[in-house]
Amino acid sequence: MLEKDLRMDSTLEKGKEVIRIEADAVAALIDRINDRFVAAVQMIFMTGGRVVITGMGKSGLIARKIAATMSSTGTPAVFMHPSDAFHGDLGMVQSGDVVICISKSGDTEEIQTLLPILRHLGAKVISMVGNVHSFLGRNSDVVLDVSVKEEACPHDLAPTASTTATLAMGDALAIALLHKRNFTKEDFALFHPGGILGRQLLLKVESLMVTGSGIPSVHESVTLSDAILVISSKRLGATCVVNDGGQLSGIITDGDLRRLLQRTNNITNLTAADAMTKNPKVIRRDMLAARALEMMESHKITQLVVVDEETKPAGMIHLHDLVKAGFTPESNG
């Protein structure tokens, strides 16, 4: 048991040590957010082309992630594998593009071969390098120092702290560019239509509302018993009540019926007009679905009538429809 406890203590300490080393590597970057960083951001911002990010091995994996982050935050970026570049992929690089080269050593054979070609193509080069005095560091337009004091790997071989630092520097570039472009959450939603934010900022009421024969609707003059049948058959927990011109006069909900029955047991002679709530909360079909959820939460209701320009019922949207689409009070916050 003692031996097992010792092994566990050793495992915990090793895990904590890795986090400490990598945290220190990222913290060391703060002082390197300097004029070179500003120059890199400005170069990318002003380019008439796009950003091409390249790197070998683990650096290539980090390059892919940085390219994805930039693309989703308003800076078009693509990943180019150095080996594939020599077999046709260099065709994606054009004059005016900015190429970000990522390398721990800065002296790999692929980088030394690739760099002169990039220059010939007229591309600008930003390096994210662990050795600013390397071939890559000496031959870049802007050098970003992502060197680390030590790797978390005890043999100082496997890229760990260095890749973490490089990833953080890439995120810093992406977010600095986001702010420089005034990239809004609405812009972000356009690139993420399948996510929660995309649904919140893009999905409209008309995409979720019940329409046509699915709309529960009765005339003011129908008996309350008939109105209840409509509520039950349409299964939206309510029915619209309309006047002779087809305009919305009110709504009868399950809650209205419960409150009515608390006041009287005799509903035989009552009409829909007698039981309805006048001037109910309504919404337009071109409003965001997120707005419908806000209204439901604010007024503690579970459905909204969708009206047209003439205040005629064009549909009804229920809380269940919003939940099915991924909207929740938490996601709407």
C-alpha atoms as a PDB file:
ATOM      1  CA  MET A   1       0.000   0.000   0.000  1.00  0.00           C
ATOM      2  CA  LEU A   2       2.839   2.364   0.862  1.00  0.00           C
ATOM      3  CA  GLU A   3       4.494   1.681  -2.499  1.00  0.00           C
ATOM      4  CA  LYS A   4       1.210   2.398  -4.285  1.00  0.00           C
ATOM      5  CA  ASP A   5       0.818   5.676  -2.383  1.00  0.00           C
ATOM      6  CA  LEU A   6       4.333   6.691  -3.320  1.00  0.00           C
ATOM      7  CA  ARG A   7       3.678   5.979  -6.991  1.00  0.00           C
ATOM      8  CA  MET A   8       0.507   8.070  -6.850  1.00  0.00           C
ATOM      9  CA  ASP A   9       2.350  10.941  -5.186  1.00  0.00           C
ATOM     10  CA  SER A  10       5.007  10.758  -7.889  1.00  0.00           C
ATOM     11  CA  THR A  11       2.354  10.793 -10.624  1.00  0.00           C
ATOM     12  CA  LEU A  12       0.618  13.808  -9.120  1.00  0.00           C
ATOM     13  CA  GLU A  13       3.858  15.714  -8.765  1.00  0.00           C
ATOM     14  CA  LYS A  14       4.889  14.929 -12.340  1.00  0.00           C
ATOM     15  CA  GLY A  15       1.538  16.102 -13.657  1.00  0.00           C
ATOM     16  CA  LYS A  16       1.776  19.345 -11.689  1.00  0.00           C
ATOM     17  CA  GLU A  17       5.339  19.870 -12.871  1.00  0.00           C
ATOM     18  CA  VAL A  18       4.276  19.609 -16.523  1.00  0.00           C
ATOM     19  CA  ILE A  19       1.539  22.198 -15.996  1.00  0.00           C
ATOM     20  CA  ARG A  20       3.981  24.509 -14.215  1.00  0.00           C
ATOM     21  CA  ILE A  21       6.583  24.249 -16.972  1.00  0.00           C
ATOM     22  CA  GLU A  22       4.061  24.921 -19.694  1.00  0.00           C
ATOM     23  CA  ALA A  23       2.437  27.764 -17.741  1.00  0.00           C
ATOM     24  CA  ASP A  24       5.856  29.372 -17.270  1.00  0.00           C
ATOM     25  CA  ALA A  25       6.533  29.017 -21.009  1.00  0.00           C
ATOM     26  CA  VAL A  26       3.313  30.842 -21.859  1.00  0.00           C
ATOM     27  CA  ALA A  27       3.855  33.504 -19.193  1.00  0.00           C
ATOM     28  CA  ALA A  28       7.310  34.220 -20.645  1.00  0.00           C
ATOM     29  CA  LEU A  29       5.634  35.294 -23.888  1.00  0.00           C
ATOM     30  CA  ILE A  30       4.083  38.359 -22.276  1.00  0.00           C
ATOM     31  CA  ASP A  31       7.317  40.339 -22.542  1.00  0.00           C
ATOM     32  CA  ARG A  32       7.600  39.289 -26.202  1.00  0.00           C
ATOM     33  CA  ILE A  33       4.326  40.932 -27.144  1.00  0.00           C
ATOM     34  CA  ASN A  34       6.270  43.912 -28.426  1.00  0.00           C
ATOM     35  CA  ASP A  35       6.945  45.910 -31.577  1.00  0.00           C
ATOM     36  CA  ARG A  36       7.626  42.719 -33.524  1.00  0.00           C
ATOM     37  CA  PHE A  37       4.217  41.388 -32.553  1.00  0.00           C
ATOM     38  CA  VAL A  38       2.588  44.648 -33.638  1.00  0.00           C
ATOM     39  CA  ALA A  39       4.485  44.469 -36.949  1.00  0.00           C
ATOM     40  CA  ALA A  40       3.256  40.916 -37.526  1.00  0.00           C
ATOM     41  CA  VAL A  41      -0.357  41.865 -36.845  1.00  0.00           C
ATOM     42  CA  GLN A  42      -0.082  44.898 -39.127  1.00  0.00           C
ATOM     43  CA  MET A  43       1.501  42.841 -41.914  1.00  0.00           C
ATOM     44  CA  ILE A  44      -1.303  40.293 -41.796  1.00  0.00           C
ATOM     45  CA  PHE A  45      -3.982  42.969 -41.514  1.00  0.00           C
ATOM     46  CA  MET A  46      -2.687  44.914 -44.501  1.00  0.00           C
ATOM     47  CA  THR A  47      -2.075  41.968 -46.819  1.00  0.00           C
ATOM     48  CA  GLY A  48      -4.117  41.900 -49.979  1.00  0.00           C
ATOM     49  CA  GLY A  49      -3.808  38.122 -50.029  1.00  0.00           C
ATOM     50  CA  ARG A  50      -4.297  35.489 -47.420  1.00  0.00           C
ATOM     51  CA  VAL A  51      -2.333  33.870 -44.648  1.00  0.00           C
ATOM     52  CA  VAL A  52      -0.570  30.567 -45.318  1.00  0.00           C
ATOM     53  CA  ILE A  53       0.732  28.765 -42.233  1.00  0.00           C
ATOM     54  CA  THR A  54       3.297  25.987 -42.479  1.00  0.00           C
ATOM     55  CA  GLY A  55       5.303  23.740 -40.202  1.00  0.00           C
ATOM     56  CA  MET A  56       6.647  20.200 -39.949  1.00  0.00           C
ATOM     57  CA  GLY A  57       5.665  17.529 -37.432  1.00  0.00           C
ATOM     58  CA  LYS A  58       4.221  18.857 -34.172  1.00  0.00           C
ATOM     59  CA  SER A  59       4.732  22.403 -35.468  1.00  0.00           C
ATOM     60  CA  GLY A  60       2.505  21.467 -38.392  1.00  0.00           C
ATOM     61  CA  LEU A  61      -0.256  20.352 -36.029  1.00  0.00           C
ATOM     62  CA  ILE A  62      -0.057  23.673 -34.208  1.00  0.00           C
ATOM     63  CA  ALA A  63      -0.053  25.462 -37.569  1.00  0.00           C
ATOM     64  CA  ARG A  64      -3.316  23.729 -38.513  1.00  0.00           C
ATOM     65  CA  LYS A  65      -4.964  24.887 -35.311  1.00  0.00           C
ATOM     66  CA  ILE A  66      -3.773  28.477 -35.699  1.00  0.00           C
ATOM     67  CA  ALA A  67      -5.038  28.525 -39.293  1.00  0.00           C
ATOM     68  CA  ALA A  68      -8.433  27.262 -38.110  1.00  0.00           C
ATOM     69  CA  THR A  69      -8.603  29.874 -35.343  1.00  0.00           C
ATOM     70  CA  MET A  70      -7.697  32.711 -37.684  1.00  0.00           C
ATOM     71  CA  SER A  71     -10.200  31.599 -40.314  1.00  0.00           C
ATOM     72  CA  SER A  72     -13.035  31.479 -37.795  1.00  0.00           C
ATOM     73  CA  THR A  73     -12.209  34.925 -36.413  1.00  0.00           C
ATOM     74  CA  GLY A  74     -12.057  36.913 -39.629  1.00  0.00           C
ATOM     75  CA  THR A  75      -8.557  36.291 -40.983  1.00  0.00           C
ATOM     76  CA  PRO A  76      -8.608  33.868 -43.964  1.00  0.00           C
ATOM     77  CA  ALA A  77      -5.834  31.333 -43.410  1.00  0.00           C
ATOM     78  CA  VAL A  78      -4.833  27.934 -44.787  1.00  0.00           C
ATOM     79  CA  PHE A  79      -2.341  25.284 -43.734  1.00  0.00           C
ATOM     80  CA  MET A  80       0.360  24.161 -46.143  1.00  0.00           C
ATOM     81  CA  HIS A  81       2.462  21.090 -45.375  1.00  0.00           C
ATOM     82  CA  PRO A  82       6.123  21.788 -46.246  1.00  0.00           C
ATOM     83  CA  SER A  83       6.576  18.429 -47.968  1.00  0.00           C
ATOM     84  CA  ASP A  84       3.417  18.841 -50.020  1.00  0.00           C
ATOM     85  CA  ALA A  85       4.554  22.347 -50.931  1.00  0.00           C
ATOM     86  CA  PHE A  86       7.377  20.830 -52.987  1.00  0.00           C
ATOM     87  CA  HIS A  87       4.891  18.711 -54.915  1.00  0.00           C
ATOM     88  CA  GLY A  88       2.432  21.323 -56.108  1.00  0.00           C
ATOM     89  CA  ASP A  89       0.934  22.969 -53.017  1.00  0.00           C
ATOM     90  CA  LEU A  90       3.200  25.987 -53.455  1.00  0.00           C
ATOM     91  CA  GLY A  91       0.664  26.967 -56.086  1.00  0.00           C
ATOM     92  CA  MET A  92      -1.530  28.273 -53.267  1.00  0.00           C
ATOM     93  CA  VAL A  93       1.055  30.948 -52.442  1.00  0.00           C
ATOM     94  CA  GLN A  94       0.878  34.175 -54.418  1.00  0.00           C
ATOM     95  CA  SER A  95       2.589  37.525 -54.323  1.00  0.00           C
ATOM     96  CA  GLY A  96       1.193  39.565 -51.458  1.00  0.00           C
ATOM     97  CA  ASP A  97       0.399  36.564 -49.267  1.00  0.00           C
ATOM     98  CA  VAL A  98       1.821  36.306 -45.783  1.00  0.00           C
ATOM     99  CA  VAL A  99       3.392  32.968 -44.866  1.00  0.00           C
ATOM    100  CA  ILE A 100       3.812  32.106 -41.202  1.00  0.00           C
ATOM    101  CA  CYS A 101       6.575  29.531 -40.791  1.00  0.00           C
ATOM    102  CA  ILE A 102       6.597  27.621 -37.505  1.00  0.00           C
ATOM    103  CA  SER A 103       9.720  25.764 -36.400  1.00  0.00           C
ATOM    104  CA  LYS A 104      11.361  25.040 -33.085  1.00  0.00           C
ATOM    105  CA  SER A 105      14.892  24.893 -34.489  1.00  0.00           C
ATOM    106  CA  GLY A 106      14.410  27.121 -37.506  1.00  0.00           C
ATOM    107  CA  ASP A 107      17.031  25.087 -39.361  1.00  0.00           C
ATOM    108  CA  THR A 108      15.113  22.106 -40.759  1.00  0.00           C
ATOM    109  CA  GLU A 109      15.937  21.050 -44.293  1.00  0.00           C
ATOM    110  CA  GLU A 110      12.387  21.691 -45.469  1.00  0.00           C
ATOM    111  CA  ILE A 111      12.407  25.257 -44.142  1.00  0.00           C
ATOM    112  CA  GLN A 112      15.780  26.043 -45.684  1.00  0.00           C
ATOM    113  CA  THR A 113      14.552  24.807 -49.058  1.00  0.00           C
ATOM    114  CA  LEU A 114      11.142  26.455 -48.816  1.00  0.00           C
ATOM    115  CA  LEU A 115      12.142  29.941 -47.746  1.00  0.00           C
ATOM    116  CA  PRO A 116      13.931  31.074 -50.954  1.00  0.00           C
ATOM    117  CA  ILE A 117      10.980  29.900 -53.030  1.00  0.00           C
ATOM    118  CA  LEU A 118       8.566  31.903 -50.900  1.00  0.00           C
ATOM    119  CA  ARG A 119      10.733  34.950 -51.429  1.00  0.00           C
ATOM    120  CA  HIS A 120      10.760  34.344 -55.180  1.00  0.00           C
ATOM    121  CA  LEU A 121       6.958  34.165 -55.170  1.00  0.00           C
ATOM    122  CA  GLY A 122       6.762  37.560 -53.498  1.00  0.00           C
ATOM    123  CA  ALA A 123       5.333  36.401 -50.183  1.00  0.00           C
ATOM    124  CA  LYS A 124       6.095  38.044 -46.865  1.00  0.00           C
ATOM    125  CA  VAL A 125       7.417  35.729 -44.144  1.00  0.00           C
ATOM    126  CA  ILE A 126       6.642  35.780 -40.435  1.00  0.00           C
ATOM    127  CA  SER A 127       8.455  33.201 -38.366  1.00  0.00           C
ATOM    128  CA  MET A 128       7.378  31.718 -35.063  1.00  0.00           C
ATOM    129  CA  VAL A 129      10.641  30.141 -34.071  1.00  0.00           C
ATOM    130  CA  GLY A 130      12.396  28.724 -31.036  1.00  0.00           C
ATOM    131  CA  ASN A 131      15.768  30.086 -32.152  1.00  0.00           C
ATOM    132  CA  VAL A 132      15.710  33.642 -33.457  1.00  0.00           C
ATOM    133  CA  HIS A 133      19.308  33.285 -34.722  1.00  0.00           C
ATOM    134  CA  SER A 134      18.457  30.289 -36.899  1.00  0.00           C
ATOM    135  CA  PHE A 135      18.244  30.289 -40.702  1.00  0.00           C
ATOM    136  CA  LEU A 136      14.504  30.952 -40.474  1.00  0.00           C
ATOM    137  CA  GLY A 137      14.931  33.706 -37.908  1.00  0.00           C
ATOM    138  CA  ARG A 138      17.583  35.474 -39.967  1.00  0.00           C
ATOM    139  CA  ASN A 139      15.565  35.321 -43.186  1.00  0.00           C
ATOM    140  CA  SER A 140      12.107  36.407 -42.022  1.00  0.00           C
ATOM    141  CA  ASP A 141      10.437  39.783 -42.360  1.00  0.00           C
ATOM    142  CA  VAL A 142       9.180  39.532 -38.797  1.00  0.00           C
ATOM    143  CA  VAL A 143      10.447  37.135 -36.127  1.00  0.00           C
ATOM    144  CA  LEU A 144       8.269  36.077 -33.193  1.00  0.00           C
ATOM    145  CA  ASP A 145      10.287  34.432 -30.434  1.00  0.00           C
ATOM    146  CA  VAL A 146       8.517  31.350 -29.052  1.00  0.00           C
ATOM    147  CA  SER A 147      11.567  29.801 -27.418  1.00  0.00           C
ATOM    148  CA  VAL A 148      11.137  28.035 -24.078  1.00  0.00           C
ATOM    149  CA  LYS A 149      13.474  27.505 -21.166  1.00  0.00           C
ATOM    150  CA  GLU A 150      12.707  23.795 -21.042  1.00  0.00           C
ATOM    151  CA  GLU A 151      10.324  21.227 -22.443  1.00  0.00           C
ATOM    152  CA  ALA A 152       8.023  19.360 -20.093  1.00  0.00           C
ATOM    153  CA  CYS A 153       9.492  16.178 -21.522  1.00  0.00           C
ATOM    154  CA  PRO A 154      12.197  15.013 -19.040  1.00  0.00           C
ATOM    155  CA  HIS A 155      14.508  14.208 -21.952  1.00  0.00           C
ATOM    156  CA  ASP A 156      13.907  17.664 -23.474  1.00  0.00           C
ATOM    157  CA  LEU A 157      12.957  15.946 -26.723  1.00  0.00           C
ATOM    158  CA  ALA A 158       9.188  15.770 -27.204  1.00  0.00           C
ATOM    159  CA  PRO A 159       7.757  19.219 -28.091  1.00  0.00           C
ATOM    160  CA  THR A 160       5.492  20.075 -25.161  1.00  0.00           C
ATOM    161  CA  ALA A 161       6.082  23.499 -23.637  1.00  0.00           C
ATOM    162  CA  SER A 162       7.294  24.771 -27.014  1.00  0.00           C
ATOM    163  CA  THR A 163       4.121  23.768 -28.841  1.00  0.00           C
ATOM    164  CA  THR A 164       1.987  25.210 -26.055  1.00  0.00           C
ATOM    165  CA  ALA A 165       3.851  28.523 -26.284  1.00  0.00           C
ATOM    166  CA  THR A 166       3.527  28.576 -30.071  1.00  0.00           C
ATOM    167  CA  LEU A 167      -0.192  27.889 -29.865  1.00  0.00           C
ATOM    168  CA  ALA A 168      -0.626  30.733 -27.378  1.00  0.00           C
ATOM    169  CA  MET A 169       1.288  33.110 -29.645  1.00  0.00           C
ATOM    170  CA  GLY A 170      -0.931  32.082 -32.550  1.00  0.00           C
ATOM    171  CA  ASP A 171      -4.037  32.756 -30.466  1.00  0.00           C
ATOM    172  CA  ALA A 172      -2.627  36.159 -29.534  1.00  0.00           C
ATOM    173  CA  LEU A 173      -2.198  36.997 -33.220  1.00  0.00           C
ATOM    174  CA  ALA A 174      -5.694  35.796 -34.096  1.00  0.00           C
ATOM    175  CA  ILE A 175      -7.437  37.729 -31.345  1.00  0.00           C
ATOM    176  CA  ALA A 176      -5.392  40.890 -31.928  1.00  0.00           C
ATOM    177  CA  LEU A 177      -6.489  40.699 -35.572  1.00  0.00           C
ATOM    178  CA  LEU A 178     -10.085  40.069 -34.502  1.00  0.00           C
ATOM    179  CA  HIS A 179     -10.089  43.330 -32.550  1.00  0.00           C
ATOM    180  CA  LYS A 180      -8.339  45.213 -35.338  1.00  0.00           C
ATOM    181  CA  ARG A 181     -11.016  44.075 -37.809  1.00  0.00           C
ATOM    182  CA  ASN A 182     -13.848  44.912 -35.372  1.00  0.00           C
ATOM    183  CA  PHE A 183     -14.971  41.324 -35.832  1.00  0.00           C
ATOM    184  CA  THR A 184     -18.305  40.965 -34.015  1.00  0.00           C
ATOM    185  CA  LYS A 185     -20.151  37.992 -32.583  1.00  0.00           C
ATOM    186  CA  GLU A 186     -22.551  38.349 -35.531  1.00  0.00           C
ATOM    187  CA  ASP A 187     -19.586  37.904 -37.886  1.00  0.00           C
ATOM    188  CA  PHE A 188     -18.493  34.892 -35.858  1.00  0.00           C
ATOM    189  CA  ALA A 189     -21.956  33.367 -36.156  1.00  0.00           C
ATOM    190  CA  LEU A 190     -21.792  33.548 -39.958  1.00  0.00           C
ATOM    191  CA  PHE A 191     -18.777  31.236 -39.851  1.00  0.00           C
ATOM    192  CA  HIS A 192     -20.386  28.946 -37.245  1.00  0.00           C
ATOM    193  CA  PRO A 193     -23.989  28.476 -38.382  1.00  0.00           C
ATOM    194  CA  GLY A 194     -24.200  25.014 -36.826  1.00  0.00           C
ATOM    195  CA  GLY A 195     -23.140  26.103 -33.350  1.00  0.00           C
ATOM    196  CA  ILE A 196     -25.182  27.527 -30.510  1.00  0.00           C
ATOM    197  CA  LEU A 197     -24.029  31.067 -31.222  1.00  0.00           C
ATOM    198  CA  GLY A 198     -24.848  30.658 -34.899  1.00  0.00           C
ATOM    199  CA  ARG A 199     -28.363  29.550 -34.058  1.00  0.00           C
ATOM    200  CA  GLN A 200     -28.779  32.424 -31.606  1.00  0.00           C
ATOM    201  CA  LEU A 201     -27.699  35.071 -34.078  1.00  0.00           C
ATOM    202  CA  LEU A 202     -28.980  33.674 -37.358  1.00  0.00           C
ATOM    203  CA  LEU A 203     -32.029  31.468 -36.802  1.00  0.00           C
ATOM    204  CA  LYS A 204     -35.301  33.326 -37.147  1.00  0.00           C
ATOM    205  CA  VAL A 205     -38.761  32.655 -35.787  1.00  0.00           C
ATOM    206  CA  GLU A 206     -40.091  31.705 -39.218  1.00  0.00           C
ATOM    207  CA  SER A 207     -37.763  28.691 -39.289  1.00  0.00           C
ATOM    208  CA  LEU A 208     -39.318  27.199 -36.151  1.00  0.00           C
ATOM    209  CA  MET A 209     -42.921  28.386 -36.032  1.00  0.00           C
ATOM    210  CA  VAL A 210     -45.988  26.286 -36.778  1.00  0.00           C
ATOM    211  CA  THR A 211     -47.821  27.555 -39.866  1.00  0.00           C
ATOM    212  CA  GLY A 212     -50.895  26.899 -41.990  1.00  0.00           C
ATOM    213  CA  SER A 213     -53.312  24.292 -40.684  1.00  0.00           C
ATOM    214  CA  GLY A 214     -51.027  23.678 -37.731  1.00  0.00           C
ATOM    215  CA  ILE A 215     -51.927  27.051 -36.198  1.00  0.00           C
ATOM    216  CA  PRO A 216     -54.542  26.659 -33.422  1.00  0.00           C
ATOM    217  CA  SER A 217     -57.112  29.367 -34.088  1.00  0.00           C
ATOM    218  CA  VAL A 218     -60.768  29.981 -33.231  1.00  0.00           C
ATOM    219  CA  HIS A 219     -63.241  32.819 -33.711  1.00  0.00           C
ATOM    220  CA  GLU A 220     -64.226  34.933 -30.716  1.00  0.00           C
ATOM    221  CA  SER A 221     -67.783  33.607 -30.875  1.00  0.00           C
ATOM    222  CA  VAL A 222     -67.097  29.855 -30.682  1.00  0.00           C
ATOM    223  CA  THR A 223     -67.959  28.071 -27.487  1.00  0.00           C
ATOM    224  CA  LEU A 224     -65.211  27.598 -24.967  1.00  0.00           C
ATOM    225  CA  SER A 225     -65.741  23.844 -25.280  1.00  0.00           C
ATOM    226  CA  ASP A 226     -64.873  24.029 -28.977  1.00  0.00           C
ATOM    227  CA  ALA A 227     -61.862  26.167 -28.209  1.00  0.00           C
ATOM    228  CA  ILE A 228     -60.648  23.551 -25.738  1.00  0.00           C
ATOM    229  CA  LEU A 229     -60.938  20.895 -28.429  1.00  0.00           C
ATOM    230  CA  VAL A 230     -58.713  22.987 -30.713  1.00  0.00           C
ATOM    231  CA  ILE A 231     -56.156  23.478 -27.947  1.00  0.00           C
ATOM    232  CA  SER A 232     -56.072  19.737 -27.342  1.00  0.00           C
ATOM    233  CA  SER A 233     -55.862  18.748 -31.011  1.00  0.00           C
ATOM    234  CA  LYS A 234     -53.057  21.156 -31.960  1.00  0.00           C
ATOM    235  CA  ARG A 235     -50.968  20.307 -28.874  1.00  0.00           C
ATOM    236  CA  LEU A 236     -49.366  23.709 -28.452  1.00  0.00           C
ATOM    237  CA  GLY A 237     -51.037  24.456 -25.144  1.00  0.00           C
ATOM    238  CA  ALA A 238     -52.958  27.411 -26.544  1.00  0.00           C
ATOM    239  CA  THR A 239     -55.142  28.755 -29.311  1.00  0.00           C
ATOM    240  CA  CYS A 240     -55.315  32.103 -31.059  1.00  0.00           C
ATOM    241  CA  VAL A 241     -58.640  33.928 -30.889  1.00  0.00           C
ATOM    242  CA  VAL A 242     -59.498  36.074 -33.918  1.00  0.00           C
ATOM    243  CA  ASN A 243     -62.209  38.588 -34.820  1.00  0.00           C
ATOM    244  CA  ASP A 244     -64.377  38.835 -37.934  1.00  0.00           C
ATOM    245  CA  GLY A 245     -61.476  40.369 -39.892  1.00  0.00           C
ATOM    246  CA  GLY A 246     -59.119  37.554 -38.921  1.00  0.00           C
ATOM    247  CA  GLN A 247     -57.022  39.811 -36.677  1.00  0.00           C
ATOM    248  CA  LEU A 248     -55.732  38.496 -33.384  1.00  0.00           C
ATOM    249  CA  SER A 249     -58.031  39.399 -30.497  1.00  0.00           C
ATOM    250  CA  GLY A 250     -56.445  37.286 -27.801  1.00  0.00           C
ATOM    251  CA  ILE A 251     -55.115  33.907 -26.763  1.00  0.00           C
ATOM    252  CA  ILE A 252     -56.404  31.093 -24.591  1.00  0.00           C
ATOM    253  CA  THR A 253     -53.737  28.996 -22.900  1.00  0.00           C
ATOM    254  CA  ASP A 254     -53.849  25.986 -20.627  1.00  0.00           C
ATOM    255  CA  GLY A 255     -53.063  28.394 -17.811  1.00  0.00           C
ATOM    256  CA  ASP A 256     -56.028  30.592 -18.710  1.00  0.00           C
ATOM    257  CA  LEU A 257     -58.303  27.553 -18.528  1.00  0.00           C
ATOM    258  CA  ARG A 258     -56.983  26.500 -15.113  1.00  0.00           C
ATOM    259  CA  ARG A 259     -57.468  29.988 -13.723  1.00  0.00           C
ATOM    260  CA  LEU A 260     -60.960  30.147 -15.204  1.00  0.00           C
ATOM    261  CA  LEU A 261     -61.961  26.851 -13.601  1.00  0.00           C
ATOM    262  CA  GLN A 262     -60.770  28.153 -10.248  1.00  0.00           C
ATOM    263  CA  ARG A 263     -63.373  30.896 -10.589  1.00  0.00           C
ATOM    264  CA  THR A 264     -66.283  28.888 -12.010  1.00  0.00           C
ATOM    265  CA  ASN A 265     -67.244  25.314 -12.807  1.00  0.00           C
ATOM    266  CA  ASN A 266     -69.896  26.337 -15.319  1.00  0.00           C
ATOM    267  CA  ILE A 267     -68.307  27.005 -18.706  1.00  0.00           C
ATOM    268  CA  THR A 268     -71.216  25.820 -20.820  1.00  0.00           C
ATOM    269  CA  ASN A 269     -72.330  29.256 -21.943  1.00  0.00           C
ATOM    270  CA  LEU A 270     -68.890  30.813 -22.203  1.00  0.00           C
ATOM    271  CA  THR A 271     -67.316  31.765 -25.517  1.00  0.00           C
ATOM    272  CA  ALA A 272     -63.696  32.016 -26.534  1.00  0.00           C
ATOM    273  CA  ALA A 273     -63.908  35.791 -26.075  1.00  0.00           C
ATOM    274  CA  ASP A 274     -64.987  35.300 -22.460  1.00  0.00           C
ATOM    275  CA  ALA A 275     -61.935  33.198 -21.609  1.00  0.00           C
ATOM    276  CA  MET A 276     -59.186  34.759 -23.703  1.00  0.00           C
ATOM    277  CA  THR A 277     -56.333  36.961 -22.563  1.00  0.00           C
ATOM    278  CA  LYS A 278     -56.560  40.160 -24.575  1.00  0.00           C
ATOM    279  CA  ASN A 279     -53.536  41.811 -26.209  1.00  0.00           C
ATOM    280  CA  PRO A 280     -51.236  38.777 -25.874  1.00  0.00           C
ATOM    281  CA  LYS A 281     -47.503  38.950 -26.421  1.00  0.00           C
ATOM    282  CA  VAL A 282     -46.716  38.545 -30.114  1.00  0.00           C
ATOM    283  CA  ILE A 283     -43.658  38.385 -32.351  1.00  0.00           C
ATOM    284  CA  ARG A 284     -42.880  38.833 -36.047  1.00  0.00           C
ATOM    285  CA  ARG A 285     -41.662  36.012 -38.247  1.00  0.00           C
ATOM    286  CA  ASP A 286     -38.449  37.864 -39.171  1.00  0.00           C
ATOM    287  CA  MET A 287     -37.374  38.270 -35.542  1.00  0.00           C
ATOM    288  CA  LEU A 288     -34.564  36.128 -34.161  1.00  0.00           C
ATOM    289  CA  ALA A 289     -35.604  32.942 -32.418  1.00  0.00           C
ATOM    290  CA  ALA A 290     -33.387  34.011 -29.530  1.00  0.00           C
ATOM    291  CA  ARG A 291     -35.654  37.025 -29.081  1.00  0.00           C
ATOM    292  CA  ALA A 292     -38.661  34.711 -28.815  1.00  0.00           C
ATOM    293  CA  LEU A 293     -36.930  32.841 -26.008  1.00  0.00           C
ATOM    294  CA  GLU A 294     -36.132  36.105 -24.218  1.00  0.00           C
ATOM    295  CA  MET A 295     -39.792  37.129 -24.377  1.00  0.00           C
ATOM    296  CA  MET A 296     -40.980  33.763 -23.092  1.00  0.00           C
ATOM    297  CA  GLU A 297     -38.564  33.899 -20.186  1.00  0.00           C
ATOM    298  CA  SER A 298     -39.391  37.510 -19.364  1.00  0.00           C
ATOM    299  CA  HIS A 299     -43.159  36.992 -19.348  1.00  0.00           C
ATOM    300  CA  LYS A 300     -43.101  33.406 -18.040  1.00  0.00           C
ATOM    301  CA  ILE A 301     -45.014  32.020 -21.009  1.00  0.00           C
ATOM    302  CA  THR A 302     -44.401  29.016 -23.235  1.00  0.00           C
ATOM    303  CA  GLN A 303     -45.772  30.132 -26.588  1.00  0.00           C
ATOM    304  CA  LEU A 304     -45.958  33.243 -28.748  1.00  0.00           C
ATOM    305  CA  VAL A 305     -48.326  34.079 -31.571  1.00  0.00           C
ATOM    306  CA  VAL A 306     -46.529  35.151 -34.742  1.00  0.00           C
ATOM    307  CA  VAL A 307     -48.468  37.924 -36.474  1.00  0.00           C
ATOM    308  CA  ASP A 308     -48.208  39.525 -39.903  1.00  0.00           C
ATOM    309  CA  GLU A 309     -48.422  43.215 -40.820  1.00  0.00           C
ATOM    310  CA  GLU A 310     -52.208  43.125 -40.393  1.00  0.00           C
ATOM    311  CA  THR A 311     -51.920  41.512 -36.935  1.00  0.00           C
ATOM    312  CA  LYS A 312     -53.341  38.290 -38.301  1.00  0.00           C
ATOM    313  CA  PRO A 313     -51.889  35.032 -36.898  1.00  0.00           C
ATOM    314  CA  ALA A 314     -49.157  33.796 -39.256  1.00  0.00           C
ATOM    315  CA  GLY A 315     -47.906  31.105 -36.928  1.00  0.00           C
ATOM    316  CA  MET A 316     -47.170  30.083 -33.378  1.00  0.00           C
ATOM    317  CA  ILE A 317     -43.850  29.236 -31.768  1.00  0.00           C
ATOM    318  CA  HIS A 318     -43.575  27.099 -28.636  1.00  0.00           C
ATOM    319  CA  LEU A 319     -40.803  26.821 -26.082  1.00  0.00           C
ATOM    320  CA  HIS A 320     -40.416  23.158 -27.010  1.00  0.00           C
ATOM    321  CA  ASP A 321     -39.529  24.139 -30.584  1.00  0.00           C
ATOM    322  CA  LEU A 322     -36.777  26.406 -29.283  1.00  0.00           C
ATOM    323  CA  VAL A 323     -35.404  23.724 -26.975  1.00  0.00           C
ATOM    324  CA  LYS A 324     -35.329  21.212 -29.829  1.00  0.00           C
ATOM    325  CA  ALA A 325     -33.337  23.714 -31.891  1.00  0.00           C
ATOM    326  CA  GLY A 326     -30.742  23.967 -29.126  1.00  0.00           C
ATOM    327  CA  PHE A 327     -31.958  27.095 -27.356  1.00  0.00           C
ATOM    328  CA  THR A 328     -31.903  27.046 -23.577  1.00  0.00           C
ATOM    329  CA  PRO A 329     -31.962  29.812 -20.999  1.00  0.00           C
ATOM    330  CA  GLU A 330     -28.246  29.148 -20.446  1.00  0.00           C
ATOM    331  CA  SER A 331     -27.328  29.373 -24.139  1.00  0.00           C
ATOM    332  CA  ASN A 332     -29.369  32.547 -24.472  1.00  0.00           C
ATOM    333  CA  GLY A 333     -27.368  34.283 -21.774  1.00  0.00           C
END
